Amino acid sequence: MRVGLVLGAGGLVGGAWLAAGLQALAEETGWDPADADHLVGTSAGSIAASLLAARRPFSSAESGSSHGASAAWAPPEIIELSPFRLHGGLPRFGLGSWSLAFATTARPYRHTPAALYSAWLPAGIFSTDGLAETIRRAAPHGFDVHPNLWVVACDHATGRRVAFGREGAPPAALPEAVAASCAIPGTYRSVKIAGRHYVDGGMYSTSNLDVLRDQGLDLVICLNPTSTRELSSGRGPLELVANAVRRQSGRRLGSEAKKLRARGTGVVLIQPGPEDLAVMGANLMSPSVARRRRVVEVARRTVAEQLRGPTARELLAQLPRRSSASRAASPRSGGRPARRPTRSA
């Protein structure tokens, strides 16, 4: 059985939700998400996918934590990440991408609303260098750690989607690819790779589920923190904006899922519910570590409940289970031998 795992965008808070979701997925199914034939990550999802591919622990049992195997736990690279490092260069004034601004003005129907938004915002004042350093330490083998680890970013000049790590994509080192995938326009500076500037892959789609549509997979599991099964009841300005983003993200996710199902691929969609939204809040870039810990505690339970639903349970029953012996033998210390020819890492 060939399986794909897609981890969507979601900021610092969404990253915590993803970590809990991966722990719940492993515990409920007995399947190791790192064994997916394809791993696709966007923005916060690219961090989680990289850590997963490098076999960093996503549960208290694997981490050797003293809190016990049943405790909600997440990698420190996600929970303790502090990405707000000021860019050291001179400030840049004007539009973030003049070429994309002109393109979205001339042919707005060819671009997503987020792409238009990213073009007209100024260059961000924060650097993604700290994030790149985190990935460099946690996943020292780079892309070579997994045969199909794809990190989605957007070309800031054209708005086109690029899946770094995929055959035919521009050559990139994993730390820089993840940094680009997380470079939110207006907040972070774009990341230069192979002579071009790239920004957050969520500007194209928060999920990018459809990059797997022609891979002949039997099942694709998508955890997407920015959509929802039920919108927040909050009526404040931030909540209204967050609901609009979640509504758009959900529509896009549903459309992408249809493309895969039309090709005979089973799709399981996991999204935050009302309890998750209550603790996640409207600001997914909240720097609060306490909030992220609370999100992990709640999401581990709520995602497990979704996985027990009849439709998800039927599809997930096909996943190969790993024996306790093979799980114990699986390396979780930051990398595994490459399973393909060496390339830029």
Protein backbone atom coordinates (compact mmCIF):
# COMPACT_ATOMS: atom_id res chain seq x y z
CA MET A 1 0.00 0.00 0.00
CA ARG A 2 1.38 3.41 -1.02
CA VAL A 3 0.59 6.24 1.39
CA GLY A 4 1.08 10.00 1.29
CA LEU A 5 1.09 12.32 4.29
CA VAL A 6 0.37 16.04 3.82
CA LEU A 7 0.99 18.56 6.62
CA GLY A 8 -0.51 21.99 6.06
CA ALA A 9 0.40 25.54 7.03
CA GLY A 10 -0.57 26.93 10.41
CA GLY A 11 2.03 29.16 12.04
CA LEU A 12 3.54 28.50 15.46
CA VAL A 13 0.21 27.43 16.95
CA GLY A 14 -0.70 25.25 13.97
CA GLY A 15 2.68 23.56 14.27
CA ALA A 16 1.79 22.49 17.80
CA TRP A 17 -1.55 21.15 16.55
CA LEU A 18 0.28 19.15 13.86
CA ALA A 19 2.68 17.66 16.40
CA ALA A 20 -0.23 16.45 18.51
CA GLY A 21 -2.02 15.17 15.42
CA LEU A 22 0.98 13.09 14.37
CA GLN A 23 1.23 11.60 17.84
CA ALA A 24 -2.48 10.73 17.79
CA LEU A 25 -2.19 9.25 14.29
CA ALA A 26 0.64 6.94 15.33
CA GLU A 27 -1.09 5.85 18.54
CA GLU A 28 -4.53 5.27 16.99
CA THR A 29 -3.34 3.34 13.93
CA GLY A 30 -0.12 1.64 15.02
CA TRP A 31 1.44 3.06 11.85
CA ASP A 32 4.54 5.24 11.87
CA PRO A 33 3.82 8.46 9.90
CA ALA A 34 7.54 8.67 9.04
CA ASP A 35 7.01 5.55 6.89
CA ALA A 36 4.77 7.43 4.44
CA ASP A 37 5.90 7.00 0.84
CA HIS A 38 5.47 10.74 0.29
CA LEU A 39 5.81 13.51 2.90
CA VAL A 40 4.57 16.96 1.86
CA GLY A 41 4.86 20.00 4.11
CA THR A 42 3.85 23.63 3.74
CA SER A 43 5.08 26.37 6.10
CA ALA A 44 4.62 24.99 9.65
CA GLY A 45 3.90 21.65 8.00
CA SER A 46 7.32 21.72 6.35
CA ILE A 47 8.96 21.93 9.78
CA ALA A 48 6.93 18.97 11.05
CA ALA A 49 7.53 16.96 7.86
CA SER A 50 11.29 17.55 8.07
CA LEU A 51 11.45 16.50 11.72
CA LEU A 52 9.32 13.46 10.95
CA ALA A 53 11.50 12.45 8.00
CA ALA A 54 14.58 12.80 10.22
CA ARG A 55 12.77 10.55 12.73
CA ARG A 56 12.74 13.06 15.51
CA PRO A 57 10.42 11.84 18.29
CA PHE A 58 6.77 12.91 18.18
CA SER A 59 5.64 11.19 21.38
CA SER A 60 6.72 11.10 25.01
CA ALA A 61 7.50 7.37 24.72
CA GLU A 62 9.87 7.87 21.79
CA SER A 63 11.51 10.92 23.36
CA GLY A 64 12.40 9.18 26.60
CA SER A 65 10.36 11.78 28.47
CA SER A 66 9.77 11.20 32.16
CA HIS A 67 6.11 12.17 31.71
CA GLY A 68 5.08 8.67 30.59
CA ALA A 69 4.00 7.17 27.29
CA SER A 70 0.44 8.52 27.59
CA ALA A 71 1.48 12.16 28.04
CA ALA A 72 0.81 14.77 25.37
CA TRP A 73 4.22 15.77 24.04
CA ALA A 74 5.77 17.57 21.07
CA PRO A 75 9.29 18.11 19.76
CA PRO A 76 11.05 21.09 21.37
CA GLU A 77 11.88 22.31 17.85
CA ILE A 78 8.14 23.03 17.53
CA ILE A 79 7.08 23.92 21.07
CA GLU A 80 10.05 26.13 21.90
CA LEU A 81 10.66 27.62 18.45
CA SER A 82 11.25 31.39 18.66
CA PRO A 83 11.37 32.61 15.07
CA PHE A 84 11.23 36.37 15.52
CA ARG A 85 14.83 37.32 14.76
CA LEU A 86 15.25 40.75 13.19
CA HIS A 87 16.80 40.81 9.75
CA GLY A 88 20.29 42.25 9.92
CA GLY A 89 20.27 44.00 6.54
CA LEU A 90 19.10 47.46 5.58
CA PRO A 91 15.32 47.96 5.55
CA ARG A 92 13.64 47.58 2.17
CA PHE A 93 10.87 49.94 1.17
CA GLY A 94 8.16 49.51 -1.41
CA LEU A 95 6.28 46.42 -2.51
CA GLY A 96 7.44 42.95 -1.61
CA SER A 97 7.33 41.86 -5.27
CA TRP A 98 6.79 44.42 -8.02
CA SER A 99 6.62 41.75 -10.74
CA LEU A 100 3.96 39.76 -8.91
CA ALA A 101 2.04 42.95 -8.13
CA PHE A 102 1.91 43.79 -11.85
CA ALA A 103 0.97 40.20 -12.73
CA THR A 104 -1.87 40.05 -10.21
CA THR A 105 -3.17 43.42 -11.42
CA ALA A 106 -3.11 42.42 -15.09
CA ARG A 107 -4.53 38.91 -14.60
CA PRO A 108 -5.98 38.63 -11.09
CA TYR A 109 -7.99 35.53 -12.00
CA ARG A 110 -4.75 33.56 -12.45
CA HIS A 111 -3.63 34.09 -8.88
CA THR A 112 -4.90 33.22 -5.43
CA PRO A 113 -6.04 36.04 -3.12
CA ALA A 114 -3.08 35.23 -0.90
CA ALA A 115 -0.67 35.72 -3.81
CA LEU A 116 -2.09 39.17 -4.44
CA TYR A 117 -1.75 39.93 -0.75
CA SER A 118 1.86 38.76 -0.70
CA ALA A 119 2.84 40.91 -3.67
CA TRP A 120 1.61 44.20 -2.24
CA LEU A 121 2.98 43.81 1.27
CA PRO A 122 6.40 45.31 2.03
CA ALA A 123 9.42 43.12 2.70
CA GLY A 124 9.31 41.68 6.21
CA ILE A 125 11.59 42.79 9.01
CA PHE A 126 12.26 39.31 10.40
CA SER A 127 14.74 36.69 9.21
CA THR A 128 14.18 32.95 8.80
CA ASP A 129 17.86 32.22 9.50
CA GLY A 130 17.10 30.93 13.00
CA LEU A 131 14.54 28.50 11.61
CA ALA A 132 17.03 27.26 9.01
CA GLU A 133 19.55 26.66 11.78
CA THR A 134 16.98 24.64 13.74
CA ILE A 135 16.31 22.38 10.74
CA ARG A 136 20.04 22.06 10.02
CA ARG A 137 20.63 20.72 13.54
CA ALA A 138 17.54 18.51 13.71
CA ALA A 139 17.76 17.05 10.19
CA PRO A 140 21.47 16.99 9.32
CA HIS A 141 20.96 14.61 6.38
CA GLY A 142 18.71 17.10 4.60
CA PHE A 143 16.46 15.86 1.81
CA ASP A 144 18.41 12.60 1.58
CA VAL A 145 16.77 11.40 4.78
CA HIS A 146 13.57 10.46 2.90
CA PRO A 147 13.01 9.45 -0.75
CA ASN A 148 10.03 11.77 -1.23
CA LEU A 149 10.15 14.68 1.19
CA TRP A 150 8.63 17.71 -0.56
CA VAL A 151 8.66 21.23 0.87
CA VAL A 152 6.25 23.68 -0.78
CA ALA A 153 7.08 27.35 -1.31
CA CYS A 154 6.05 30.06 -3.79
CA ASP A 155 8.18 31.95 -6.28
CA HIS A 156 7.70 35.55 -5.15
CA ALA A 157 8.10 36.92 -8.67
CA THR A 158 5.47 34.73 -10.34
CA GLY A 159 3.32 33.28 -7.54
CA ARG A 160 3.98 29.79 -8.89
CA ARG A 161 4.18 26.85 -6.53
CA VAL A 162 7.42 24.92 -6.16
CA ALA A 163 7.81 21.63 -4.29
CA PHE A 164 11.46 21.51 -3.27
CA GLY A 165 12.76 17.94 -3.10
CA ARG A 166 10.59 16.86 -6.01
CA GLU A 167 12.24 15.74 -9.23
CA GLY A 168 12.61 18.73 -11.53
CA ALA A 169 12.45 21.33 -8.74
CA PRO A 170 15.30 23.83 -8.32
CA PRO A 171 18.17 22.39 -6.25
CA ALA A 172 17.87 23.44 -2.62
CA ALA A 173 19.19 22.57 0.80
CA LEU A 174 16.47 21.41 3.20
CA PRO A 175 17.05 24.17 5.81
CA GLU A 176 16.71 26.91 3.18
CA ALA A 177 13.69 25.21 1.57
CA VAL A 178 11.89 25.07 4.92
CA ALA A 179 12.87 28.67 5.66
CA ALA A 180 11.37 29.72 2.32
CA SER A 181 8.22 27.70 2.93
CA CYS A 182 7.77 29.57 6.24
CA ALA A 183 8.65 33.07 4.96
CA ILE A 184 5.30 34.81 5.49
CA PRO A 185 5.20 37.92 3.25
CA GLY A 186 5.15 41.16 5.19
CA THR A 187 6.63 39.42 8.24
CA TYR A 188 9.73 37.62 6.95
CA ARG A 189 12.19 38.41 4.20
CA SER A 190 11.94 36.15 1.19
CA VAL A 191 14.57 33.42 0.87
CA LYS A 192 16.87 33.30 -2.15
CA ILE A 193 17.35 29.85 -3.66
CA ALA A 194 19.05 29.17 -7.00
CA GLY A 195 18.86 32.86 -7.92
CA ARG A 196 15.14 33.36 -7.19
CA HIS A 197 13.22 34.59 -4.17
CA TYR A 198 10.68 32.32 -2.46
CA VAL A 199 8.03 32.87 0.19
CA ASP A 200 5.52 30.89 2.24
CA GLY A 201 3.91 28.03 0.31
CA GLY A 202 0.62 28.90 1.98
CA MET A 203 0.34 31.82 -0.43
CA TYR A 204 -0.63 29.25 -3.07
CA SER A 205 -2.52 26.83 -0.81
CA THR A 206 -2.41 26.16 2.90
CA SER A 207 -2.59 22.42 2.21
CA ASN A 208 -1.16 21.77 -1.29
CA LEU A 209 -2.75 18.34 -1.13
CA ASP A 210 -3.06 18.19 -4.90
CA VAL A 211 0.71 17.99 -5.54
CA LEU A 212 0.19 14.26 -4.94
CA ARG A 213 -2.64 13.80 -7.43
CA ASP A 214 -0.55 11.99 -10.06
CA GLN A 215 1.60 9.86 -7.75
CA GLY A 216 -0.58 6.74 -7.89
CA LEU A 217 -1.08 6.61 -4.12
CA ASP A 218 -3.65 4.38 -2.47
CA LEU A 219 -4.24 6.68 0.50
CA VAL A 220 -3.37 10.26 1.43
CA ILE A 221 -3.75 11.59 4.97
CA CYS A 222 -3.86 15.36 5.35
CA LEU A 223 -3.59 17.28 8.62
CA ASN A 224 -4.48 20.92 7.91
CA PRO A 225 -4.42 23.39 10.85
CA THR A 226 -5.79 26.41 8.95
CA SER A 227 -9.13 24.94 7.87
CA THR A 228 -11.78 23.67 10.24
CA ARG A 229 -14.78 21.40 10.60
CA GLU A 230 -16.72 24.22 12.27
CA LEU A 231 -15.96 27.95 12.28
CA SER A 232 -15.22 29.84 15.49
CA SER A 233 -18.18 31.59 17.14
CA GLY A 234 -16.02 34.62 18.02
CA ARG A 235 -17.13 37.99 16.65
CA GLY A 236 -14.03 40.11 17.25
CA PRO A 237 -12.06 41.55 14.31
CA LEU A 238 -9.30 38.92 14.55
CA GLU A 239 -11.83 36.09 14.80
CA LEU A 240 -13.68 37.34 11.71
CA VAL A 241 -10.44 37.47 9.71
CA ALA A 242 -9.42 34.02 10.99
CA ASN A 243 -12.81 32.59 10.02
CA ALA A 244 -12.48 34.04 6.51
CA VAL A 245 -9.05 32.43 6.15
CA ARG A 246 -10.35 29.11 7.47
CA ARG A 247 -13.34 29.21 5.15
CA GLN A 248 -11.13 29.81 2.11
CA SER A 249 -8.64 27.17 3.26
CA GLY A 250 -11.43 24.65 3.71
CA ARG A 251 -12.84 25.29 0.24
CA ARG A 252 -9.42 24.86 -1.31
CA LEU A 253 -8.77 21.70 0.70
CA GLY A 254 -12.08 20.19 -0.41
CA SER A 255 -11.33 20.97 -4.05
CA GLU A 256 -7.87 19.41 -3.81
CA ALA A 257 -9.27 16.30 -2.13
CA LYS A 258 -11.74 15.85 -5.00
CA LYS A 259 -8.87 15.76 -7.49
CA LEU A 260 -7.23 12.89 -5.65
CA ARG A 261 -10.45 10.97 -5.11
CA ALA A 262 -11.23 11.29 -8.82
CA ARG A 263 -8.02 9.35 -9.45
CA GLY A 264 -9.02 6.57 -7.08
CA THR A 265 -6.96 7.72 -4.09
CA GLY A 266 -8.55 7.46 -0.66
CA VAL A 267 -8.29 10.74 1.31
CA VAL A 268 -8.54 11.31 5.06
CA LEU A 269 -8.84 14.98 6.07
CA ILE A 270 -8.08 15.96 9.67
CA GLN A 271 -8.89 19.54 10.70
CA PRO A 272 -9.25 21.49 13.96
CA GLY A 273 -12.66 21.40 15.62
CA PRO A 274 -14.37 23.82 18.04
CA GLU A 275 -12.31 22.72 21.05
CA ASP A 276 -9.09 23.17 19.11
CA LEU A 277 -10.07 26.63 17.87
CA ALA A 278 -10.90 27.73 21.41
CA VAL A 279 -7.32 27.12 22.54
CA MET A 280 -5.58 27.96 19.25
CA GLY A 281 -7.06 31.45 19.08
CA ALA A 282 -7.13 33.71 16.04
CA ASN A 283 -3.41 34.54 16.02
CA LEU A 284 -1.61 31.46 14.74
CA MET A 285 1.74 33.24 15.12
CA SER A 286 1.29 33.77 18.86
CA PRO A 287 4.72 33.43 20.51
CA SER A 288 3.20 31.96 23.68
CA VAL A 289 4.82 28.62 24.52
CA ALA A 290 2.07 28.01 27.10
CA ARG A 291 -0.56 28.30 24.35
CA ARG A 292 1.28 25.80 22.18
CA ARG A 293 1.48 23.32 25.06
CA ARG A 294 -2.25 23.66 25.67
CA VAL A 295 -2.96 23.13 21.97
CA VAL A 296 -0.94 19.89 22.08
CA GLU A 297 -2.90 18.64 25.09
CA VAL A 298 -6.28 19.32 23.47
CA ALA A 299 -5.44 18.28 19.90
CA ARG A 300 -4.02 14.91 20.90
CA ARG A 301 -7.49 13.99 22.13
CA THR A 302 -9.59 15.73 19.46
CA VAL A 303 -7.56 14.36 16.54
CA ALA A 304 -7.79 10.86 18.02
CA GLU A 305 -11.57 11.26 18.12
CA GLN A 306 -11.62 12.23 14.44
CA LEU A 307 -9.48 9.24 13.53
CA ARG A 308 -12.03 6.97 15.21
CA GLY A 309 -14.82 8.24 12.97
CA PRO A 310 -16.33 5.59 10.67
CA THR A 311 -15.00 6.93 7.35
CA ALA A 312 -11.49 7.61 8.62
CA ARG A 313 -11.38 4.33 10.53
CA GLU A 314 -12.29 2.32 7.44
CA LEU A 315 -9.58 3.94 5.31
CA LEU A 316 -6.92 3.90 8.03
CA ALA A 317 -7.54 0.22 8.72
CA GLN A 318 -5.55 -0.49 5.55
CA LEU A 319 -2.36 1.05 6.96
CA PRO A 320 0.47 -1.37 7.70
CA ARG A 321 1.04 -1.82 11.43
CA ARG A 322 4.53 -1.92 12.83
CA SER A 323 5.51 -4.48 15.42
CA SER A 324 6.73 -3.26 18.79
CA ALA A 325 10.14 -4.74 17.99
CA SER A 326 10.49 -2.77 14.77
CA ARG A 327 9.36 0.43 16.48
CA ALA A 328 11.94 -0.07 19.18
CA ALA A 329 14.65 -0.60 16.58
CA SER A 330 13.69 2.48 14.58
CA PRO A 331 16.26 5.30 14.97
CA ARG A 332 14.89 8.47 16.52
CA SER A 333 18.03 10.47 17.06
CA GLY A 334 17.95 12.88 14.16
CA GLY A 335 18.45 10.97 10.95
CA ARG A 336 18.55 7.69 9.11
CA PRO A 337 20.59 6.38 6.19
CA ALA A 338 19.74 7.90 2.85
CA ARG A 339 17.51 5.79 0.62
CA ARG A 340 18.41 7.48 -2.64
CA PRO A 341 21.53 8.88 -4.32
CA THR A 342 23.14 11.77 -2.49
CA ARG A 343 21.96 15.21 -3.58
CA SER A 344 22.00 18.74 -2.22
CA ALA A 345 21.16 18.44 1.47
